N, C-alpha and C. Protein backbone atom coordinates (compact mmCIF):
# COMPACT_ATOMS: atom_id res chain seq x y z
N MET A 1 0.85 -1.17 0.00
CA MET A 1 0.00 0.00 0.00
C MET A 1 0.89 1.23 0.00
N ARG A 2 0.63 2.13 -0.88
CA ARG A 2 1.42 3.35 -0.93
C ARG A 2 1.16 4.21 0.30
N ARG A 3 2.17 4.96 0.67
CA ARG A 3 2.08 5.80 1.88
C ARG A 3 0.93 6.80 1.80
N GLU A 4 0.66 7.36 0.63
CA GLU A 4 -0.42 8.33 0.51
C GLU A 4 -1.78 7.68 0.78
N ILE A 5 -1.95 6.46 0.34
CA ILE A 5 -3.20 5.74 0.61
C ILE A 5 -3.30 5.45 2.10
N ALA A 6 -2.21 5.02 2.70
CA ALA A 6 -2.19 4.76 4.15
C ALA A 6 -2.55 6.02 4.93
N LYS A 7 -2.06 7.17 4.47
CA LYS A 7 -2.39 8.44 5.13
C LYS A 7 -3.88 8.74 5.02
N ARG A 8 -4.46 8.50 3.86
CA ARG A 8 -5.90 8.76 3.68
C ARG A 8 -6.74 7.84 4.56
N VAL A 9 -6.36 6.57 4.61
CA VAL A 9 -7.09 5.61 5.44
C VAL A 9 -7.00 6.02 6.91
N ALA A 10 -5.80 6.35 7.37
CA ALA A 10 -5.61 6.75 8.77
C ALA A 10 -6.40 8.02 9.09
N ALA A 11 -6.39 8.98 8.18
CA ALA A 11 -7.15 10.22 8.39
C ALA A 11 -8.65 9.95 8.45
N ASP A 12 -9.12 9.03 7.63
CA ASP A 12 -10.54 8.68 7.63
C ASP A 12 -10.95 8.09 8.98
N LEU A 13 -10.04 7.40 9.64
CA LEU A 13 -10.34 6.80 10.94
C LEU A 13 -10.48 7.84 12.05
N ASP A 14 -10.01 9.05 11.81
CA ASP A 14 -10.18 10.10 12.81
C ASP A 14 -11.65 10.30 13.15
N GLY A 15 -12.53 10.00 12.22
CA GLY A 15 -13.96 10.15 12.44
C GLY A 15 -14.53 9.22 13.50
N VAL A 16 -13.82 8.15 13.83
CA VAL A 16 -14.28 7.22 14.86
C VAL A 16 -13.33 7.15 16.05
N ALA A 17 -12.34 8.04 16.08
CA ALA A 17 -11.33 8.02 17.14
C ALA A 17 -11.92 8.27 18.52
N ALA A 18 -12.99 9.03 18.61
CA ALA A 18 -13.57 9.37 19.91
C ALA A 18 -14.39 8.23 20.51
N LEU A 19 -14.72 7.22 19.72
CA LEU A 19 -15.50 6.10 20.25
C LEU A 19 -14.63 5.27 21.19
N SER A 20 -15.23 4.82 22.26
CA SER A 20 -14.51 3.94 23.18
C SER A 20 -14.38 2.56 22.57
N GLY A 21 -13.52 1.74 23.14
CA GLY A 21 -13.37 0.37 22.66
C GLY A 21 -14.68 -0.39 22.74
N GLY A 22 -15.41 -0.18 23.82
CA GLY A 22 -16.71 -0.85 23.97
C GLY A 22 -17.71 -0.42 22.92
N GLN A 23 -17.71 0.87 22.60
CA GLN A 23 -18.61 1.36 21.56
C GLN A 23 -18.26 0.76 20.21
N LEU A 24 -16.96 0.67 19.92
CA LEU A 24 -16.54 0.07 18.65
C LEU A 24 -16.98 -1.38 18.57
N VAL A 25 -16.77 -2.13 19.62
CA VAL A 25 -17.17 -3.54 19.65
C VAL A 25 -18.68 -3.66 19.42
N ASP A 26 -19.44 -2.84 20.14
CA ASP A 26 -20.90 -2.91 20.00
C ASP A 26 -21.35 -2.62 18.58
N VAL A 27 -20.78 -1.57 17.96
CA VAL A 27 -21.17 -1.19 16.60
C VAL A 27 -20.81 -2.30 15.62
N VAL A 28 -19.59 -2.83 15.73
CA VAL A 28 -19.15 -3.86 14.78
C VAL A 28 -19.98 -5.12 14.95
N ARG A 29 -20.21 -5.52 16.18
CA ARG A 29 -21.00 -6.75 16.39
C ARG A 29 -22.46 -6.57 15.98
N ARG A 30 -23.01 -5.39 16.22
CA ARG A 30 -24.42 -5.15 15.91
C ARG A 30 -24.64 -4.92 14.41
N ASP A 31 -23.77 -4.10 13.80
CA ASP A 31 -24.02 -3.64 12.43
C ASP A 31 -23.09 -4.24 11.38
N GLY A 32 -22.03 -4.93 11.81
CA GLY A 32 -21.08 -5.49 10.86
C GLY A 32 -21.67 -6.63 10.05
N THR A 33 -21.40 -6.64 8.78
CA THR A 33 -21.90 -7.70 7.90
C THR A 33 -21.40 -9.06 8.36
N CYS A 34 -20.15 -9.15 8.78
CA CYS A 34 -19.60 -10.44 9.21
C CYS A 34 -20.33 -10.96 10.45
N GLY A 35 -20.71 -10.07 11.35
CA GLY A 35 -21.46 -10.48 12.53
C GLY A 35 -22.82 -11.03 12.18
N TRP A 36 -23.46 -10.39 11.22
CA TRP A 36 -24.76 -10.85 10.78
C TRP A 36 -24.64 -12.25 10.16
N LEU A 37 -23.61 -12.43 9.33
CA LEU A 37 -23.42 -13.75 8.71
C LEU A 37 -23.15 -14.82 9.75
N ALA A 38 -22.37 -14.48 10.76
CA ALA A 38 -22.05 -15.47 11.81
C ALA A 38 -23.30 -15.88 12.58
N THR A 39 -24.19 -14.93 12.86
CA THR A 39 -25.40 -15.26 13.63
C THR A 39 -26.43 -16.01 12.80
N THR A 40 -26.34 -15.92 11.48
CA THR A 40 -27.29 -16.63 10.63
C THR A 40 -26.73 -17.94 10.09
N GLY A 41 -25.47 -18.23 10.43
CA GLY A 41 -24.85 -19.46 9.94
C GLY A 41 -24.46 -19.40 8.49
N GLN A 42 -24.31 -18.21 7.92
CA GLN A 42 -24.01 -18.07 6.51
C GLN A 42 -22.56 -17.69 6.24
N THR A 43 -21.68 -17.94 7.20
CA THR A 43 -20.27 -17.60 6.98
C THR A 43 -19.70 -18.52 5.91
N PRO A 44 -18.73 -18.03 5.15
CA PRO A 44 -18.14 -18.86 4.09
C PRO A 44 -17.33 -20.02 4.67
N GLU A 45 -17.04 -20.96 3.83
CA GLU A 45 -16.15 -22.06 4.18
C GLU A 45 -14.73 -21.56 4.03
N TRP A 46 -14.05 -21.26 5.14
CA TRP A 46 -12.69 -20.73 5.09
C TRP A 46 -11.73 -21.83 4.65
N THR A 47 -10.78 -21.46 3.81
CA THR A 47 -9.85 -22.43 3.25
C THR A 47 -8.55 -22.52 4.05
N GLY A 48 -8.22 -21.45 4.78
CA GLY A 48 -6.93 -21.39 5.47
C GLY A 48 -5.84 -20.78 4.61
N ASP A 49 -6.13 -20.58 3.34
CA ASP A 49 -5.20 -19.93 2.42
C ASP A 49 -5.54 -18.44 2.41
N ASP A 50 -4.58 -17.61 2.80
CA ASP A 50 -4.85 -16.17 2.93
C ASP A 50 -5.42 -15.56 1.66
N ARG A 51 -4.84 -15.90 0.54
CA ARG A 51 -5.28 -15.30 -0.73
C ARG A 51 -6.71 -15.73 -1.07
N ALA A 52 -7.01 -17.00 -0.93
CA ALA A 52 -8.36 -17.50 -1.24
C ALA A 52 -9.37 -16.94 -0.25
N ASP A 53 -9.02 -16.91 1.03
CA ASP A 53 -9.94 -16.38 2.04
C ASP A 53 -10.18 -14.89 1.84
N ARG A 54 -9.17 -14.18 1.39
CA ARG A 54 -9.35 -12.75 1.12
C ARG A 54 -10.40 -12.55 0.04
N GLU A 55 -10.41 -13.41 -0.96
CA GLU A 55 -11.42 -13.31 -2.01
C GLU A 55 -12.82 -13.59 -1.46
N LEU A 56 -12.91 -14.47 -0.46
CA LEU A 56 -14.21 -14.77 0.14
C LEU A 56 -14.76 -13.58 0.93
N VAL A 57 -13.88 -12.79 1.54
CA VAL A 57 -14.37 -11.69 2.37
C VAL A 57 -14.61 -10.40 1.60
N VAL A 58 -14.10 -10.29 0.39
CA VAL A 58 -14.26 -9.06 -0.38
C VAL A 58 -15.74 -8.66 -0.49
N PRO A 59 -16.64 -9.55 -0.89
CA PRO A 59 -18.04 -9.11 -0.97
C PRO A 59 -18.67 -8.86 0.39
N ILE A 60 -18.20 -9.54 1.42
CA ILE A 60 -18.74 -9.35 2.77
C ILE A 60 -18.31 -7.99 3.31
N CYS A 61 -17.02 -7.75 3.33
CA CYS A 61 -16.49 -6.50 3.89
C CYS A 61 -16.78 -5.30 2.98
N GLY A 62 -16.79 -5.53 1.69
CA GLY A 62 -16.98 -4.42 0.76
C GLY A 62 -18.30 -3.72 0.93
N ALA A 63 -19.31 -4.42 1.37
CA ALA A 63 -20.63 -3.83 1.55
C ALA A 63 -20.93 -3.48 3.01
N CYS A 64 -19.97 -3.68 3.88
CA CYS A 64 -20.20 -3.49 5.31
C CYS A 64 -20.31 -1.99 5.66
N PRO A 65 -21.31 -1.63 6.46
CA PRO A 65 -21.49 -0.22 6.81
C PRO A 65 -20.57 0.27 7.94
N VAL A 66 -19.82 -0.63 8.56
CA VAL A 66 -18.99 -0.22 9.71
C VAL A 66 -17.51 -0.55 9.49
N GLN A 67 -17.04 -0.35 8.28
CA GLN A 67 -15.64 -0.65 7.96
C GLN A 67 -14.68 0.17 8.81
N ARG A 68 -14.97 1.45 8.98
CA ARG A 68 -14.06 2.30 9.76
C ARG A 68 -14.00 1.84 11.21
N GLU A 69 -15.15 1.56 11.80
CA GLU A 69 -15.19 1.11 13.19
C GLU A 69 -14.44 -0.21 13.36
N CYS A 70 -14.59 -1.10 12.40
CA CYS A 70 -13.92 -2.39 12.43
C CYS A 70 -12.41 -2.23 12.39
N LEU A 71 -11.95 -1.40 11.47
CA LEU A 71 -10.50 -1.19 11.34
C LEU A 71 -9.94 -0.48 12.56
N GLU A 72 -10.64 0.52 13.06
CA GLU A 72 -10.19 1.23 14.27
C GLU A 72 -10.07 0.26 15.44
N TRP A 73 -11.07 -0.59 15.60
CA TRP A 73 -11.08 -1.58 16.69
C TRP A 73 -9.88 -2.50 16.56
N ASP A 74 -9.64 -3.00 15.36
CA ASP A 74 -8.52 -3.91 15.15
C ASP A 74 -7.18 -3.23 15.43
N LEU A 75 -6.99 -2.03 14.95
CA LEU A 75 -5.71 -1.33 15.17
C LEU A 75 -5.48 -1.08 16.66
N ARG A 76 -6.53 -0.76 17.38
CA ARG A 76 -6.38 -0.55 18.82
C ARG A 76 -6.04 -1.83 19.57
N VAL A 77 -6.69 -2.91 19.21
CA VAL A 77 -6.54 -4.16 19.95
C VAL A 77 -5.30 -4.94 19.53
N HIS A 78 -5.08 -5.05 18.22
CA HIS A 78 -4.01 -5.91 17.72
C HIS A 78 -2.80 -5.16 17.19
N GLY A 79 -2.98 -3.89 16.86
CA GLY A 79 -1.87 -3.10 16.36
C GLY A 79 -1.27 -3.67 15.09
N TYR A 80 0.02 -3.67 15.05
CA TYR A 80 0.76 -4.11 13.87
C TYR A 80 0.65 -5.61 13.63
N ALA A 81 0.32 -6.37 14.67
CA ALA A 81 0.39 -7.82 14.61
C ALA A 81 -0.92 -8.52 14.29
N SER A 82 -1.93 -7.81 13.84
CA SER A 82 -3.21 -8.45 13.61
C SER A 82 -3.16 -9.37 12.40
N GLY A 83 -4.09 -10.33 12.39
CA GLY A 83 -4.17 -11.28 11.29
C GLY A 83 -5.54 -11.21 10.64
N GLY A 84 -5.67 -11.81 9.48
CA GLY A 84 -6.95 -11.83 8.79
C GLY A 84 -7.25 -10.55 8.06
N VAL A 85 -8.53 -10.32 7.84
CA VAL A 85 -8.99 -9.14 7.12
C VAL A 85 -9.90 -8.36 8.07
N TRP A 86 -9.59 -7.09 8.25
CA TRP A 86 -10.39 -6.20 9.09
C TRP A 86 -10.57 -4.90 8.35
N GLY A 87 -11.74 -4.46 8.26
CA GLY A 87 -12.10 -3.12 7.88
C GLY A 87 -11.94 -2.60 6.48
N PRO A 88 -11.88 -3.28 5.44
CA PRO A 88 -11.63 -4.65 4.98
C PRO A 88 -10.21 -4.83 4.46
N LEU A 89 -9.23 -4.35 5.20
CA LEU A 89 -7.84 -4.42 4.75
C LEU A 89 -7.18 -5.73 5.14
N ALA A 90 -6.35 -6.25 4.27
CA ALA A 90 -5.53 -7.43 4.57
C ALA A 90 -4.38 -7.02 5.49
N GLU A 91 -3.70 -8.01 6.03
CA GLU A 91 -2.61 -7.76 6.99
C GLU A 91 -1.57 -6.77 6.49
N ASP A 92 -1.08 -6.96 5.29
CA ASP A 92 -0.03 -6.08 4.78
C ASP A 92 -0.52 -4.64 4.63
N GLU A 93 -1.78 -4.49 4.27
CA GLU A 93 -2.35 -3.15 4.14
C GLU A 93 -2.50 -2.48 5.51
N ARG A 94 -2.96 -3.25 6.50
CA ARG A 94 -3.08 -2.69 7.85
C ARG A 94 -1.72 -2.35 8.42
N ARG A 95 -0.72 -3.15 8.13
CA ARG A 95 0.63 -2.86 8.61
C ARG A 95 1.17 -1.56 8.02
N ALA A 96 0.74 -1.22 6.81
CA ALA A 96 1.14 0.05 6.21
C ALA A 96 0.38 1.21 6.86
N VAL A 97 -0.86 0.99 7.25
CA VAL A 97 -1.67 2.03 7.88
C VAL A 97 -1.27 2.24 9.33
N PHE A 98 -0.89 1.17 10.03
CA PHE A 98 -0.67 1.25 11.47
C PHE A 98 0.27 2.36 11.92
N PRO A 99 1.48 2.51 11.36
CA PRO A 99 2.35 3.57 11.87
C PRO A 99 1.80 4.98 11.63
N VAL A 100 1.09 5.17 10.54
CA VAL A 100 0.49 6.47 10.25
C VAL A 100 -0.65 6.73 11.23
N TRP A 101 -1.49 5.74 11.43
CA TRP A 101 -2.61 5.83 12.39
C TRP A 101 -2.08 6.08 13.79
N SER A 102 -1.06 5.34 14.19
CA SER A 102 -0.49 5.48 15.53
C SER A 102 0.07 6.88 15.75
N GLN A 103 0.76 7.40 14.75
CA GLN A 103 1.31 8.75 14.86
C GLN A 103 0.20 9.80 14.97
N ARG A 104 -0.89 9.62 14.22
CA ARG A 104 -2.02 10.55 14.30
C ARG A 104 -2.62 10.52 15.69
N ARG A 105 -2.74 9.33 16.28
CA ARG A 105 -3.31 9.22 17.63
C ARG A 105 -2.37 9.86 18.65
N ASP A 106 -1.06 9.63 18.49
CA ASP A 106 -0.07 10.26 19.39
C ASP A 106 -0.14 11.78 19.28
N ASP A 107 -0.22 12.29 18.06
CA ASP A 107 -0.28 13.73 17.85
C ASP A 107 -1.56 14.32 18.47
N ALA A 108 -2.68 13.62 18.31
CA ALA A 108 -3.96 14.09 18.86
C ALA A 108 -3.94 14.10 20.39
N ALA A 109 -3.16 13.19 20.98
CA ALA A 109 -3.07 13.10 22.44
C ALA A 109 -1.97 14.01 22.98
N GLY A 110 -1.40 14.81 22.13
CA GLY A 110 -0.35 15.72 22.58
C GLY A 110 1.02 15.07 22.65
N GLY A 111 1.18 13.95 21.94
CA GLY A 111 2.48 13.29 21.88
C GLY A 111 2.86 12.53 23.13
N VAL A 112 1.86 12.15 23.94
CA VAL A 112 2.17 11.44 25.19
C VAL A 112 1.59 10.04 25.19
N GLY A 113 1.88 9.27 24.18
CA GLY A 113 1.48 7.87 24.19
C GLY A 113 0.32 7.54 23.29
N GLY A 114 -0.51 8.48 22.99
CA GLY A 114 -1.62 8.25 22.06
C GLY A 114 -2.58 7.17 22.52
N ALA A 115 -3.17 6.49 21.57
CA ALA A 115 -4.21 5.51 21.85
C ALA A 115 -3.66 4.17 22.28
N LEU A 116 -2.39 3.96 22.17
CA LEU A 116 -1.87 2.63 22.45
C LEU A 116 -1.38 2.51 23.83
């Protein structure tokens, strides 16, 4: 992911930065497309292959109304080390966003540790 795209993604997450961790969890579980699929038993058959599984989640995450909340939640909880697809970025994409997002949170907190 190019740095400019990572900057745009991180800036977009500023819109949900004020939500608490609990609020993020509630929104993602209540309104997230993946949560709805899990409760209805309609989740895809995961293959265990990252590339193939990424193709399975594209239509699920692509239409999800809470992508920002999902990604914000993942970055807060798992940081650079998260796995899978969240918000709907793959691991390598989130790893490109994480340092930019982290710096924005540090800057917003006055440079004293930020959200992490």
